[in-house]
Structure formats: C-alpha cells, structure tokens
Amino acid sequence: MSEQYVTKKEVLSQAKELGKLIAGTEEVDFFKRAEKQINQNLKVQELIGKIKKKQKEAVNLQHYQKGEALKNVEKEIDELNAQLDEIPIVNEFKSSQTEVNELLQLVSGTISNKVTDEIITSMGGDVLQGTTNKNPFLNINNK
C-alpha cells in the first residue's frame, strides 16, 4: 500500500487560490476602497507628508544625540498623528486594516490547527489530548 503525496507545488497552487478567495472578501474590498479614499484625500496626504518629514528629523536628532530637540519633534509627531486620527476615513481605514489582518490570522491559525490534527490522527493519536500514540517524545502540545 503506497501513500499518495501532495507536492509542495500543489500546496502553493492551492494557497494562491485561497489568496484569490481572500482578496475577494468584503473585508478586503472595504480596505481597498478606504485606502483609495485616503490616497485621494489631500488633508490626509499633507499630514502624512509632515509626519514623514518629522520622523526623518527625529532619526537625525537621535543619531546626533540631541535629546531635548528629539523630545520636541516626537511631541510634534504625536500631535500630527492625533490630527490624522481625527479624520473619519483614517479610522475607517485602520479598522478595515485590522479586519483584514484578523481574517488572515484566522485562516493561518485554521490551517495550522488542521495540519496538527492531521498529523495526530495519522499517527493514531488523540486530537483532543494533542498527543500521538506512536512516540511519546513527539507530543504535539508538549503535555
């Protein structure tokens, strides 16, 4: 009795298909629309430009060990970020970014759990215990 193996290439092909499915979700669509609005919003772009400029300034001040000036620039960066956060589309964008990240984490965790369960099951183990019966040193969950 020979086992039928799946190739890495086949797994990656399926991963690409899963990526296409994820890209077609409502969460990703909302993220893309929010990002487009942010890119077209002059006030947002102006604030982002100012923040980037101040961040470069902060790096230089830190390099030259200008502590007091660095504190002032960091305070200005915080104030600019606060102004940015007051813009509704920025909050919508951040929220959509969080939702997409949560979806990706959920998919990643689900895949990881399924692989672990398949390993345990194929070795005659107990999925609920997270242990394999074949080798006590291969205890998946380190119990």
C-alpha atoms as a PDB file:
ATOM      1  CA  MET A   1       0.000   0.000   0.000  1.00  0.00           C
ATOM      2  CA  SER A   2       1.685   3.229  -1.133  1.00  0.00           C
ATOM      3  CA  GLU A   3       0.789   6.681   0.143  1.00  0.00           C
ATOM      4  CA  GLN A   4      -0.182   9.370  -2.341  1.00  0.00           C
ATOM      5  CA  TYR A   5       1.813  12.517  -1.564  1.00  0.00           C
ATOM      6  CA  VAL A   6       0.882  16.050  -2.458  1.00  0.00           C
ATOM      7  CA  THR A   7       3.712  18.136  -3.857  1.00  0.00           C
ATOM      8  CA  LYS A   8       4.819  21.467  -2.474  1.00  0.00           C
ATOM      9  CA  LYS A   9       3.914  22.925  -5.869  1.00  0.00           C
ATOM     10  CA  GLU A  10       0.320  21.680  -5.488  1.00  0.00           C
ATOM     11  CA  VAL A  11       0.079  23.132  -1.987  1.00  0.00           C
ATOM     12  CA  LEU A  12       1.374  26.501  -3.206  1.00  0.00           C
ATOM     13  CA  SER A  13      -1.104  26.433  -6.091  1.00  0.00           C
ATOM     14  CA  GLN A  14      -3.950  25.918  -3.618  1.00  0.00           C
ATOM     15  CA  ALA A  15      -2.522  28.681  -1.403  1.00  0.00           C
ATOM     16  CA  LYS A  16      -2.638  31.053  -4.376  1.00  0.00           C
ATOM     17  CA  GLU A  17      -6.263  30.116  -4.972  1.00  0.00           C
ATOM     18  CA  LEU A  18      -7.015  30.734  -1.295  1.00  0.00           C
ATOM     19  CA  GLY A  19      -5.283  34.111  -1.637  1.00  0.00           C
ATOM     20  CA  LYS A  20      -7.601  34.968  -4.543  1.00  0.00           C
ATOM     21  CA  LEU A  21     -10.616  33.985  -2.426  1.00  0.00           C
ATOM     22  CA  ILE A  22      -9.439  36.154   0.459  1.00  0.00           C
ATOM     23  CA  ALA A  23      -8.787  39.072  -1.906  1.00  0.00           C
ATOM     24  CA  GLY A  24     -12.428  38.779  -2.988  1.00  0.00           C
ATOM     25  CA  THR A  25     -13.865  39.124   0.517  1.00  0.00           C
ATOM     26  CA  GLU A  26     -15.948  42.050   1.705  1.00  0.00           C
ATOM     27  CA  GLU A  27     -13.221  42.928   4.233  1.00  0.00           C
ATOM     28  CA  VAL A  28     -10.549  43.283   1.547  1.00  0.00           C
ATOM     29  CA  ASP A  29     -12.893  45.204  -0.746  1.00  0.00           C
ATOM     30  CA  PHE A  30     -13.656  47.704   2.033  1.00  0.00           C
ATOM     31  CA  PHE A  31      -9.928  48.018   2.782  1.00  0.00           C
ATOM     32  CA  LYS A  32      -9.156  48.812  -0.869  1.00  0.00           C
ATOM     33  CA  ARG A  33     -11.910  51.436  -1.039  1.00  0.00           C
ATOM     34  CA  ALA A  34     -10.750  53.068   2.201  1.00  0.00           C
ATOM     35  CA  GLU A  35      -7.131  53.124   1.014  1.00  0.00           C
ATOM     36  CA  LYS A  36      -8.191  54.724  -2.262  1.00  0.00           C
ATOM     37  CA  GLN A  37     -10.063  57.444  -0.369  1.00  0.00           C
ATOM     38  CA  ILE A  38      -7.052  58.067   1.859  1.00  0.00           C
ATOM     39  CA  ASN A  39      -4.778  58.365  -1.173  1.00  0.00           C
ATOM     40  CA  GLN A  40      -7.149  60.924  -2.704  1.00  0.00           C
ATOM     41  CA  ASN A  41      -7.613  62.971   0.477  1.00  0.00           C
ATOM     42  CA  LEU A  42      -5.306  65.996   0.322  1.00  0.00           C
ATOM     43  CA  LYS A  43      -5.508  66.733   4.051  1.00  0.00           C
ATOM     44  CA  VAL A  44      -4.522  63.162   4.895  1.00  0.00           C
ATOM     45  CA  GLN A  45      -1.671  63.208   2.398  1.00  0.00           C
ATOM     46  CA  GLU A  46      -0.436  66.541   3.732  1.00  0.00           C
ATOM     47  CA  LEU A  47      -0.426  65.241   7.311  1.00  0.00           C
ATOM     48  CA  ILE A  48       1.325  62.022   6.279  1.00  0.00           C
ATOM     49  CA  GLY A  49       3.971  64.088   4.489  1.00  0.00           C
ATOM     50  CA  LYS A  50       4.533  66.226   7.584  1.00  0.00           C
ATOM     51  CA  ILE A  51       4.771  63.120   9.786  1.00  0.00           C
ATOM     52  CA  LYS A  52       7.339  61.508   7.480  1.00  0.00           C
ATOM     53  CA  LYS A  53       9.397  64.712   7.452  1.00  0.00           C
ATOM     54  CA  LYS A  54       9.310  64.920  11.262  1.00  0.00           C
ATOM     55  CA  GLN A  55      10.216  61.225  11.560  1.00  0.00           C
ATOM     56  CA  LYS A  56      13.318  61.789   9.419  1.00  0.00           C
ATOM     57  CA  GLU A  57      14.163  64.772  11.576  1.00  0.00           C
ATOM     58  CA  ALA A  58      13.747  62.625  14.704  1.00  0.00           C
ATOM     59  CA  VAL A  59      16.100  59.972  13.316  1.00  0.00           C
ATOM     60  CA  ASN A  60      18.750  62.630  12.666  1.00  0.00           C
ATOM     61  CA  LEU A  61      18.314  64.144  16.122  1.00  0.00           C
ATOM     62  CA  GLN A  62      18.588  60.720  17.705  1.00  0.00           C
ATOM     63  CA  HIS A  63      21.732  59.994  15.687  1.00  0.00           C
ATOM     64  CA  TYR A  64      23.340  63.220  16.876  1.00  0.00           C
ATOM     65  CA  GLN A  65      22.060  62.630  20.432  1.00  0.00           C
ATOM     66  CA  LYS A  66      20.031  65.830  20.612  1.00  0.00           C
ATOM     67  CA  GLY A  67      17.732  64.653  23.395  1.00  0.00           C
ATOM     68  CA  GLU A  68      15.716  67.787  24.108  1.00  0.00           C
ATOM     69  CA  ALA A  69      15.136  68.575  20.429  1.00  0.00           C
ATOM     70  CA  LEU A  70      14.180  64.937  19.855  1.00  0.00           C
ATOM     71  CA  LYS A  71      11.520  65.141  22.586  1.00  0.00           C
ATOM     72  CA  ASN A  72      10.052  68.226  20.920  1.00  0.00           C
ATOM     73  CA  VAL A  73       9.935  66.590  17.498  1.00  0.00           C
ATOM     74  CA  GLU A  74       8.379  63.433  18.958  1.00  0.00           C
ATOM     75  CA  LYS A  75       5.709  65.625  20.586  1.00  0.00           C
ATOM     76  CA  GLU A  76       5.026  67.250  17.194  1.00  0.00           C
ATOM     77  CA  ILE A  77       4.747  63.799  15.595  1.00  0.00           C
ATOM     78  CA  ASP A  78       2.234  62.755  18.271  1.00  0.00           C
ATOM     79  CA  GLU A  79       0.193  65.915  17.623  1.00  0.00           C
ATOM     80  CA  LEU A  80       0.199  65.297  13.859  1.00  0.00           C
ATOM     81  CA  ASN A  81      -0.856  61.679  14.419  1.00  0.00           C
ATOM     82  CA  ALA A  82      -3.697  62.885  16.653  1.00  0.00           C
ATOM     83  CA  GLN A  83      -4.859  65.236  13.879  1.00  0.00           C
ATOM     84  CA  LEU A  84      -4.706  62.350  11.434  1.00  0.00           C
ATOM     85  CA  ASP A  85      -6.751  60.129  13.751  1.00  0.00           C
ATOM     86  CA  GLU A  86      -9.498  62.772  13.895  1.00  0.00           C
ATOM     87  CA  ILE A  87     -10.231  62.240  10.191  1.00  0.00           C
ATOM     88  CA  PRO A  88     -13.065  59.683   9.834  1.00  0.00           C
ATOM     89  CA  ILE A  89     -11.668  57.923   6.742  1.00  0.00           C
ATOM     90  CA  VAL A  90      -8.392  57.296   8.582  1.00  0.00           C
ATOM     91  CA  ASN A  91     -10.257  55.479  11.352  1.00  0.00           C
ATOM     92  CA  GLU A  92     -12.258  53.515   8.785  1.00  0.00           C
ATOM     93  CA  PHE A  93      -9.012  52.561   7.048  1.00  0.00           C
ATOM     94  CA  LYS A  94      -7.371  51.456  10.302  1.00  0.00           C
ATOM     95  CA  SER A  95     -10.468  49.457  11.218  1.00  0.00           C
ATOM     96  CA  SER A  96     -10.535  47.749   7.820  1.00  0.00           C
ATOM     97  CA  GLN A  97      -6.817  47.003   8.115  1.00  0.00           C
ATOM     98  CA  THR A  98      -7.475  45.318  11.469  1.00  0.00           C
ATOM     99  CA  GLU A  99     -10.319  43.262   9.992  1.00  0.00           C
ATOM    100  CA  VAL A 100      -8.168  42.046   7.095  1.00  0.00           C
ATOM    101  CA  ASN A 101      -5.334  41.149   9.494  1.00  0.00           C
ATOM    102  CA  GLU A 102      -7.777  39.249  11.728  1.00  0.00           C
ATOM    103  CA  LEU A 103      -9.084  37.333   8.695  1.00  0.00           C
ATOM    104  CA  LEU A 104      -5.531  36.401   7.678  1.00  0.00           C
ATOM    105  CA  GLN A 105      -4.720  35.305  11.250  1.00  0.00           C
ATOM    106  CA  LEU A 106      -7.895  33.226  11.359  1.00  0.00           C
ATOM    107  CA  VAL A 107      -7.021  31.492   8.086  1.00  0.00           C
ATOM    108  CA  SER A 108      -3.418  30.932   9.184  1.00  0.00           C
ATOM    109  CA  GLY A 109      -4.495  29.518  12.551  1.00  0.00           C
ATOM    110  CA  THR A 110      -7.100  27.279  10.945  1.00  0.00           C
ATOM    111  CA  ILE A 111      -4.528  25.848   8.527  1.00  0.00           C
ATOM    112  CA  SER A 112      -2.014  25.308  11.324  1.00  0.00           C
ATOM    113  CA  ASN A 113      -4.583  23.577  13.536  1.00  0.00           C
ATOM    114  CA  LYS A 114      -5.751  21.348  10.683  1.00  0.00           C
ATOM    115  CA  VAL A 115      -2.189  20.264   9.856  1.00  0.00           C
ATOM    116  CA  THR A 116      -1.557  19.445  13.520  1.00  0.00           C
ATOM    117  CA  ASP A 117      -4.828  17.492  13.769  1.00  0.00           C
ATOM    118  CA  GLU A 118      -3.995  15.548  10.592  1.00  0.00           C
ATOM    119  CA  ILE A 119      -0.550  14.632  11.947  1.00  0.00           C
ATOM    120  CA  ILE A 120      -2.015  13.447  15.236  1.00  0.00           C
ATOM    121  CA  THR A 121      -4.803  11.466  13.557  1.00  0.00           C
ATOM    122  CA  SER A 122      -2.465   9.842  11.021  1.00  0.00           C
ATOM    123  CA  MET A 123      -0.271   8.627  13.871  1.00  0.00           C
ATOM    124  CA  GLY A 124      -3.192   7.097  15.765  1.00  0.00           C
ATOM    125  CA  GLY A 125      -3.192   9.827  18.354  1.00  0.00           C
ATOM    126  CA  ASP A 126      -5.837  11.741  20.231  1.00  0.00           C
ATOM    127  CA  VAL A 127      -6.675  15.159  18.763  1.00  0.00           C
ATOM    128  CA  LEU A 128      -8.375  16.311  21.960  1.00  0.00           C
ATOM    129  CA  GLN A 129      -5.301  15.421  24.015  1.00  0.00           C
ATOM    130  CA  GLY A 130      -2.934  16.659  21.327  1.00  0.00           C
ATOM    131  CA  THR A 131      -0.856  13.521  21.645  1.00  0.00           C
ATOM    132  CA  THR A 132       0.336  10.825  19.290  1.00  0.00           C
ATOM    133  CA  ASN A 133       0.403   7.198  20.402  1.00  0.00           C
ATOM    134  CA  LYS A 134       3.419   6.226  18.329  1.00  0.00           C
ATOM    135  CA  ASN A 135       6.138   8.194  20.109  1.00  0.00           C
ATOM    136  CA  PRO A 136       5.768   9.946  23.474  1.00  0.00           C
ATOM    137  CA  PHE A 137       8.582  12.341  22.506  1.00  0.00           C
ATOM    138  CA  LEU A 138       6.513  13.701  19.603  1.00  0.00           C
ATOM    139  CA  ASN A 139       3.797  15.093  21.829  1.00  0.00           C
ATOM    140  CA  ILE A 140       2.468  17.983  19.714  1.00  0.00           C
ATOM    141  CA  ASN A 141       1.183  20.144  22.569  1.00  0.00           C
ATOM    142  CA  ASN A 142       4.046  19.339  24.978  1.00  0.00           C
ATOM    143  CA  LYS A 143       1.761  17.911  27.655  1.00  0.00           C
END
